[in-house]
Amino acid sequence: MTATVGGTAPPRRATRRRTARRRELTEAARGDGAGPVRTALRVKAPLVRPSVVMVVLIALSYGVSRWAGRGGRRT
């Protein structure tokens, strides 16, 4: 069991590595002269793309199943 600090558990190693990697990429982009908009579009957007794709696929699947009348919540 991990000790808690301030009521929250410390981040897991994988989470810390991802956060450090994101921070390094952002700092490298800023060091190359990228502004906040370019950093968001060229660095941060590709990092969240897999999550966005999954959310869209799940939403589409839910919408199609409701449209076809085979599942989903009915109101």
PDB file of N, CA and C in Angstrom:
ATOM      1  N   MET A   1       0.850  -1.173   0.000  1.00  0.00           N
ATOM      2  CA  MET A   1       0.000   0.000   0.000  1.00  0.00           C
ATOM      3  C   MET A   1       0.892   1.231   0.000  1.00  0.00           C
ATOM      4  N   THR A   2       0.582   2.194  -0.830  1.00  0.00           N
ATOM      5  CA  THR A   2       1.403   3.392  -0.919  1.00  0.00           C
ATOM      6  C   THR A   2       0.909   4.443   0.056  1.00  0.00           C
ATOM      7  N   ALA A   3       1.845   5.192   0.575  1.00  0.00           N
ATOM      8  CA  ALA A   3       1.501   6.260   1.496  1.00  0.00           C
ATOM      9  C   ALA A   3       0.887   7.421   0.718  1.00  0.00           C
ATOM     10  N   THR A   4      -0.036   8.107   1.374  1.00  0.00           N
ATOM     11  CA  THR A   4      -0.652   9.246   0.719  1.00  0.00           C
ATOM     12  C   THR A   4      -0.103  10.540   1.286  1.00  0.00           C
ATOM     13  N   VAL A   5      -0.001  11.527   0.441  1.00  0.00           N
ATOM     14  CA  VAL A   5       0.468  12.843   0.854  1.00  0.00           C
ATOM     15  C   VAL A   5      -0.637  13.828   0.540  1.00  0.00           C
ATOM     16  N   GLY A   6      -1.184  14.465   1.556  1.00  0.00           N
ATOM     17  CA  GLY A   6      -2.245  15.426   1.325  1.00  0.00           C
ATOM     18  C   GLY A   6      -3.530  14.798   0.833  1.00  0.00           C
ATOM     19  N   GLY A   7      -3.741  13.512   1.123  1.00  0.00           N
ATOM     20  CA  GLY A   7      -4.975  12.858   0.739  1.00  0.00           C
ATOM     21  C   GLY A   7      -4.975  12.255  -0.652  1.00  0.00           C
ATOM     22  N   THR A   8      -3.894  12.417  -1.414  1.00  0.00           N
ATOM     23  CA  THR A   8      -3.838  11.814  -2.743  1.00  0.00           C
ATOM     24  C   THR A   8      -2.638  10.881  -2.824  1.00  0.00           C
ATOM     25  N   ALA A   9      -2.801   9.824  -3.568  1.00  0.00           N
ATOM     26  CA  ALA A   9      -1.714   8.865  -3.745  1.00  0.00           C
ATOM     27  C   ALA A   9      -0.683   9.443  -4.704  1.00  0.00           C
ATOM     28  N   PRO A  10       0.591   9.131  -4.512  1.00  0.00           N
ATOM     29  CA  PRO A  10       1.603   9.621  -5.442  1.00  0.00           C
ATOM     30  C   PRO A  10       1.413   9.004  -6.821  1.00  0.00           C
ATOM     31  N   PRO A  11       1.790   9.712  -7.887  1.00  0.00           N
ATOM     32  CA  PRO A  11       1.589   9.167  -9.224  1.00  0.00           C
ATOM     33  C   PRO A  11       2.420   7.919  -9.456  1.00  0.00           C
ATOM     34  N   ARG A  12       1.892   7.042 -10.296  1.00  0.00           N
ATOM     35  CA  ARG A  12       2.634   5.832 -10.626  1.00  0.00           C
ATOM     36  C   ARG A  12       3.797   6.170 -11.543  1.00  0.00           C
ATOM     37  N   ARG A  13       4.744   5.254 -11.664  1.00  0.00           N
ATOM     38  CA  ARG A  13       5.938   5.500 -12.475  1.00  0.00           C
ATOM     39  C   ARG A  13       5.609   5.820 -13.922  1.00  0.00           C
ATOM     40  N   ALA A  14       4.686   5.052 -14.520  1.00  0.00           N
ATOM     41  CA  ALA A  14       4.343   5.275 -15.930  1.00  0.00           C
ATOM     42  C   ALA A  14       3.760   6.662 -16.124  1.00  0.00           C
ATOM     43  N   THR A  15       2.941   7.101 -15.180  1.00  0.00           N
ATOM     44  CA  THR A  15       2.351   8.437 -15.277  1.00  0.00           C
ATOM     45  C   THR A  15       3.439   9.492 -15.172  1.00  0.00           C
ATOM     46  N   ARG A  16       4.382   9.290 -14.273  1.00  0.00           N
ATOM     47  CA  ARG A  16       5.480  10.253 -14.130  1.00  0.00           C
ATOM     48  C   ARG A  16       6.325  10.306 -15.394  1.00  0.00           C
ATOM     49  N   ARG A  17       6.554   9.141 -16.019  1.00  0.00           N
ATOM     50  CA  ARG A  17       7.352   9.126 -17.258  1.00  0.00           C
ATOM     51  C   ARG A  17       6.636   9.859 -18.376  1.00  0.00           C
ATOM     52  N   ARG A  18       5.320   9.623 -18.507  1.00  0.00           N
ATOM     53  CA  ARG A  18       4.563  10.320 -19.556  1.00  0.00           C
ATOM     54  C   ARG A  18       4.568  11.812 -19.318  1.00  0.00           C
ATOM     55  N   THR A  19       4.390  12.234 -18.064  1.00  0.00           N
ATOM     56  CA  THR A  19       4.384  13.657 -17.751  1.00  0.00           C
ATOM     57  C   THR A  19       5.742  14.263 -18.048  1.00  0.00           C
ATOM     58  N   ALA A  20       6.809  13.579 -17.676  1.00  0.00           N
ATOM     59  CA  ALA A  20       8.151  14.085 -17.948  1.00  0.00           C
ATOM     60  C   ALA A  20       8.408  14.170 -19.442  1.00  0.00           C
ATOM     61  N   ARG A  21       7.948  13.179 -20.193  1.00  0.00           N
ATOM     62  CA  ARG A  21       8.144  13.184 -21.642  1.00  0.00           C
ATOM     63  C   ARG A  21       7.399  14.356 -22.278  1.00  0.00           C
ATOM     64  N   ARG A  22       6.142  14.590 -21.837  1.00  0.00           N
ATOM     65  CA  ARG A  22       5.370  15.719 -22.356  1.00  0.00           C
ATOM     66  C   ARG A  22       6.061  17.036 -22.048  1.00  0.00           C
ATOM     67  N   ARG A  23       6.556  17.161 -20.833  1.00  0.00           N
ATOM     68  CA  ARG A  23       7.236  18.393 -20.427  1.00  0.00           C
ATOM     69  C   ARG A  23       8.500  18.606 -21.259  1.00  0.00           C
ATOM     70  N   GLU A  24       9.254  17.535 -21.501  1.00  0.00           N
ATOM     71  CA  GLU A  24      10.472  17.653 -22.312  1.00  0.00           C
ATOM     72  C   GLU A  24      10.144  18.076 -23.743  1.00  0.00           C
ATOM     73  N   LEU A  25       9.099  17.490 -24.315  1.00  0.00           N
ATOM     74  CA  LEU A  25       8.709  17.859 -25.675  1.00  0.00           C
ATOM     75  C   LEU A  25       8.269  19.312 -25.753  1.00  0.00           C
ATOM     76  N   THR A  26       7.504  19.757 -24.770  1.00  0.00           N
ATOM     77  CA  THR A  26       7.043  21.142 -24.752  1.00  0.00           C
ATOM     78  C   THR A  26       8.219  22.100 -24.601  1.00  0.00           C
ATOM     79  N   GLU A  27       9.139  21.784 -23.709  1.00  0.00           N
ATOM     80  CA  GLU A  27      10.308  22.648 -23.516  1.00  0.00           C
ATOM     81  C   GLU A  27      11.187  22.670 -24.762  1.00  0.00           C
ATOM     82  N   ALA A  28      11.318  21.531 -25.435  1.00  0.00           N
ATOM     83  CA  ALA A  28      12.121  21.480 -26.654  1.00  0.00           C
ATOM     84  C   ALA A  28      11.482  22.324 -27.756  1.00  0.00           C
ATOM     85  N   ALA A  29      10.159  22.271 -27.861  1.00  0.00           N
ATOM     86  CA  ALA A  29       9.467  23.072 -28.870  1.00  0.00           C
ATOM     87  C   ALA A  29       9.638  24.561 -28.583  1.00  0.00           C
ATOM     88  N   ARG A  30       9.522  24.930 -27.325  1.00  0.00           N
ATOM     89  CA  ARG A  30       9.708  26.343 -26.972  1.00  0.00           C
ATOM     90  C   ARG A  30      11.149  26.773 -27.215  1.00  0.00           C
ATOM     91  N   GLY A  31      12.079  25.874 -26.953  1.00  0.00           N
ATOM     92  CA  GLY A  31      13.482  26.173 -27.213  1.00  0.00           C
ATOM     93  C   GLY A  31      13.770  26.357 -28.691  1.00  0.00           C
ATOM     94  N   ASP A  32      12.984  25.691 -29.533  1.00  0.00           N
ATOM     95  CA  ASP A  32      13.130  25.829 -30.983  1.00  0.00           C
ATOM     96  C   ASP A  32      12.407  27.054 -31.516  1.00  0.00           C
ATOM     97  N   GLY A  33      11.756  27.794 -30.627  1.00  0.00           N
ATOM     98  CA  GLY A  33      11.101  29.028 -31.041  1.00  0.00           C
ATOM     99  C   GLY A  33       9.621  28.896 -31.324  1.00  0.00           C
ATOM    100  N   ALA A  34       9.017  27.792 -30.949  1.00  0.00           N
ATOM    101  CA  ALA A  34       7.582  27.616 -31.183  1.00  0.00           C
ATOM    102  C   ALA A  34       6.801  28.383 -30.121  1.00  0.00           C
ATOM    103  N   GLY A  35       5.768  29.059 -30.555  1.00  0.00           N
ATOM    104  CA  GLY A  35       4.896  29.777 -29.636  1.00  0.00           C
ATOM    105  C   GLY A  35       3.872  28.836 -29.035  1.00  0.00           C
ATOM    106  N   PRO A  36       2.959  29.380 -28.239  1.00  0.00           N
ATOM    107  CA  PRO A  36       1.975  28.521 -27.579  1.00  0.00           C
ATOM    108  C   PRO A  36       1.022  27.818 -28.546  1.00  0.00           C
ATOM    109  N   VAL A  37       0.640  28.498 -29.632  1.00  0.00           N
ATOM    110  CA  VAL A  37      -0.286  27.877 -30.585  1.00  0.00           C
ATOM    111  C   VAL A  37       0.405  26.747 -31.333  1.00  0.00           C
ATOM    112  N   ARG A  38       1.603  26.989 -31.806  1.00  0.00           N
ATOM    113  CA  ARG A  38       2.327  25.945 -32.532  1.00  0.00           C
ATOM    114  C   ARG A  38       2.653  24.777 -31.607  1.00  0.00           C
ATOM    115  N   THR A  39       2.985  25.067 -30.353  1.00  0.00           N
ATOM    116  CA  THR A  39       3.259  23.999 -29.394  1.00  0.00           C
ATOM    117  C   THR A  39       2.009  23.149 -29.188  1.00  0.00           C
ATOM    118  N   ALA A  40       0.859  23.794 -29.080  1.00  0.00           N
ATOM    119  CA  ALA A  40      -0.384  23.044 -28.882  1.00  0.00           C
ATOM    120  C   ALA A  40      -0.702  22.188 -30.095  1.00  0.00           C
ATOM    121  N   LEU A  41      -0.530  22.745 -31.303  1.00  0.00           N
ATOM    122  CA  LEU A  41      -0.895  22.016 -32.514  1.00  0.00           C
ATOM    123  C   LEU A  41       0.109  20.935 -32.887  1.00  0.00           C
ATOM    124  N   ARG A  42       1.378  21.201 -32.712  1.00  0.00           N
ATOM    125  CA  ARG A  42       2.414  20.272 -33.181  1.00  0.00           C
ATOM    126  C   ARG A  42       2.921  19.303 -32.124  1.00  0.00           C
ATOM    127  N   VAL A  43       2.723  19.623 -30.839  1.00  0.00           N
ATOM    128  CA  VAL A  43       3.243  18.752 -29.777  1.00  0.00           C
ATOM    129  C   VAL A  43       2.105  18.124 -28.982  1.00  0.00           C
ATOM    130  N   LYS A  44       1.216  18.934 -28.469  1.00  0.00           N
ATOM    131  CA  LYS A  44       0.181  18.410 -27.575  1.00  0.00           C
ATOM    132  C   LYS A  44      -0.931  17.677 -28.317  1.00  0.00           C
ATOM    133  N   ALA A  45      -1.352  18.179 -29.461  1.00  0.00           N
ATOM    134  CA  ALA A  45      -2.444  17.533 -30.204  1.00  0.00           C
ATOM    135  C   ALA A  45      -2.104  16.089 -30.590  1.00  0.00           C
ATOM    136  N   PRO A  46      -0.911  15.815 -31.125  1.00  0.00           N
ATOM    137  CA  PRO A  46      -0.596  14.406 -31.442  1.00  0.00           C
ATOM    138  C   PRO A  46      -0.557  13.503 -30.211  1.00  0.00           C
ATOM    139  N   LEU A  47      -0.262  14.065 -29.039  1.00  0.00           N
ATOM    140  CA  LEU A  47      -0.211  13.247 -27.832  1.00  0.00           C
ATOM    141  C   LEU A  47      -1.601  12.816 -27.373  1.00  0.00           C
ATOM    142  N   VAL A  48      -2.616  13.641 -27.627  1.00  0.00           N
ATOM    143  CA  VAL A  48      -3.966  13.293 -27.182  1.00  0.00           C
ATOM    144  C   VAL A  48      -4.790  12.646 -28.287  1.00  0.00           C
ATOM    145  N   ARG A  49      -4.265  12.550 -29.486  1.00  0.00           N
ATOM    146  CA  ARG A  49      -5.012  12.001 -30.618  1.00  0.00           C
ATOM    147  C   ARG A  49      -5.558  10.594 -30.346  1.00  0.00           C
ATOM    148  N   PRO A  50      -4.786   9.660 -29.791  1.00  0.00           N
ATOM    149  CA  PRO A  50      -5.356   8.317 -29.554  1.00  0.00           C
ATOM    150  C   PRO A  50      -6.580   8.339 -28.638  1.00  0.00           C
ATOM    151  N   SER A  51      -6.560   9.179 -27.621  1.00  0.00           N
ATOM    152  CA  SER A  51      -7.709   9.273 -26.715  1.00  0.00           C
ATOM    153  C   SER A  51      -8.911   9.851 -27.431  1.00  0.00           C
ATOM    154  N   VAL A  52      -8.693  10.867 -28.237  1.00  0.00           N
ATOM    155  CA  VAL A  52      -9.793  11.495 -28.968  1.00  0.00           C
ATOM    156  C   VAL A  52     -10.400  10.498 -29.951  1.00  0.00           C
ATOM    157  N   VAL A  53      -9.574   9.726 -30.616  1.00  0.00           N
ATOM    158  CA  VAL A  53     -10.080   8.733 -31.570  1.00  0.00           C
ATOM    159  C   VAL A  53     -10.949   7.707 -30.852  1.00  0.00           C
ATOM    160  N   MET A  54     -10.521   7.243 -29.690  1.00  0.00           N
ATOM    161  CA  MET A  54     -11.323   6.259 -28.953  1.00  0.00           C
ATOM    162  C   MET A  54     -12.657   6.841 -28.525  1.00  0.00           C
ATOM    163  N   VAL A  55     -12.666   8.067 -28.050  1.00  0.00           N
ATOM    164  CA  VAL A  55     -13.921   8.699 -27.629  1.00  0.00           C
ATOM    165  C   VAL A  55     -14.866   8.831 -28.819  1.00  0.00           C
ATOM    166  N   VAL A  56     -14.347   9.241 -29.965  1.00  0.00           N
ATOM    167  CA  VAL A  56     -15.185   9.385 -31.159  1.00  0.00           C
ATOM    168  C   VAL A  56     -15.737   8.030 -31.591  1.00  0.00           C
ATOM    169  N   LEU A  57     -14.908   7.001 -31.582  1.00  0.00           N
ATOM    170  CA  LEU A  57     -15.378   5.673 -31.984  1.00  0.00           C
ATOM    171  C   LEU A  57     -16.464   5.149 -31.047  1.00  0.00           C
ATOM    172  N   ILE A  58     -16.283   5.347 -29.764  1.00  0.00           N
ATOM    173  CA  ILE A  58     -17.299   4.890 -28.804  1.00  0.00           C
ATOM    174  C   ILE A  58     -18.591   5.678 -28.990  1.00  0.00           C
ATOM    175  N   ALA A  59     -18.478   7.000 -29.201  1.00  0.00           N
ATOM    176  CA  ALA A  59     -19.675   7.816 -29.411  1.00  0.00           C
ATOM    177  C   ALA A  59     -20.397   7.406 -30.693  1.00  0.00           C
ATOM    178  N   LEU A  60     -19.652   7.149 -31.754  1.00  0.00           N
ATOM    179  CA  LEU A  60     -20.268   6.706 -32.998  1.00  0.00           C
ATOM    180  C   LEU A  60     -20.954   5.351 -32.830  1.00  0.00           C
ATOM    181  N   SER A  61     -20.302   4.455 -32.139  1.00  0.00           N
ATOM    182  CA  SER A  61     -20.880   3.133 -31.901  1.00  0.00           C
ATOM    183  C   SER A  61     -22.185   3.256 -31.117  1.00  0.00           C
ATOM    184  N   TYR A  62     -22.187   4.088 -30.112  1.00  0.00           N
ATOM    185  CA  TYR A  62     -23.389   4.309 -29.309  1.00  0.00           C
ATOM    186  C   TYR A  62     -24.496   4.924 -30.168  1.00  0.00           C
ATOM    187  N   GLY A  63     -24.143   5.920 -30.978  1.00  0.00           N
ATOM    188  CA  GLY A  63     -25.135   6.572 -31.829  1.00  0.00           C
ATOM    189  C   GLY A  63     -25.728   5.639 -32.852  1.00  0.00           C
ATOM    190  N   VAL A  64     -24.897   4.825 -33.463  1.00  0.00           N
ATOM    191  CA  VAL A  64     -25.388   3.868 -34.462  1.00  0.00           C
ATOM    192  C   VAL A  64     -26.281   2.825 -33.794  1.00  0.00           C
ATOM    193  N   SER A  65     -25.898   2.362 -32.609  1.00  0.00           N
ATOM    194  CA  SER A  65     -26.722   1.351 -31.940  1.00  0.00           C
ATOM    195  C   SER A  65     -28.069   1.936 -31.535  1.00  0.00           C
ATOM    196  N   ARG A  66     -28.108   3.185 -31.139  1.00  0.00           N
ATOM    197  CA  ARG A  66     -29.402   3.828 -30.816  1.00  0.00           C
ATOM    198  C   ARG A  66     -30.231   4.019 -32.078  1.00  0.00           C
ATOM    199  N   TRP A  67     -29.580   4.423 -33.144  1.00  0.00           N
ATOM    200  CA  TRP A  67     -30.284   4.656 -34.404  1.00  0.00           C
ATOM    201  C   TRP A  67     -30.886   3.352 -34.927  1.00  0.00           C
ATOM    202  N   ALA A  68     -30.125   2.278 -34.783  1.00  0.00           N
ATOM    203  CA  ALA A  68     -30.587   0.988 -35.271  1.00  0.00           C
ATOM    204  C   ALA A  68     -31.579   0.337 -34.308  1.00  0.00           C
ATOM    205  N   GLY A  69     -31.705   0.896 -33.111  1.00  0.00           N
ATOM    206  CA  GLY A  69     -32.659   0.355 -32.155  1.00  0.00           C
ATOM    207  C   GLY A  69     -32.187  -0.886 -31.442  1.00  0.00           C
ATOM    208  N   ARG A  70     -30.875  -1.080 -31.372  1.00  0.00           N
ATOM    209  CA  ARG A  70     -30.343  -2.274 -30.718  1.00  0.00           C
ATOM    210  C   ARG A  70     -29.465  -1.889 -29.541  1.00  0.00           C
ATOM    211  N   GLY A  71     -30.007  -1.271 -28.546  1.00  0.00           N
ATOM    212  CA  GLY A  71     -29.209  -0.973 -27.357  1.00  0.00           C
ATOM    213  C   GLY A  71     -29.178   0.511 -27.076  1.00  0.00           C
ATOM    214  N   GLY A  72     -28.300   0.865 -26.182  1.00  0.00           N
ATOM    215  CA  GLY A  72     -28.243   2.251 -25.762  1.00  0.00           C
ATOM    216  C   GLY A  72     -29.361   2.554 -24.783  1.00  0.00           C
ATOM    217  N   ARG A  73     -29.280   3.683 -24.173  1.00  0.00           N
ATOM    218  CA  ARG A  73     -30.298   4.079 -23.214  1.00  0.00           C
ATOM    219  C   ARG A  73     -31.498   4.662 -23.954  1.00  0.00           C
ATOM    220  N   ARG A  74     -32.644   4.200 -23.608  1.00  0.00           N
ATOM    221  CA  ARG A  74     -33.852   4.708 -24.272  1.00  0.00           C
ATOM    222  C   ARG A  74     -34.560   5.687 -23.357  1.00  0.00           C
ATOM    223  N   THR A  75     -34.991   6.778 -23.937  1.00  0.00           N
ATOM    224  CA  THR A  75     -35.703   7.782 -23.136  1.00  0.00           C
ATOM    225  C   THR A  75     -37.140   7.892 -23.557  1.00  0.00           C
TER     226      THR A  75
END
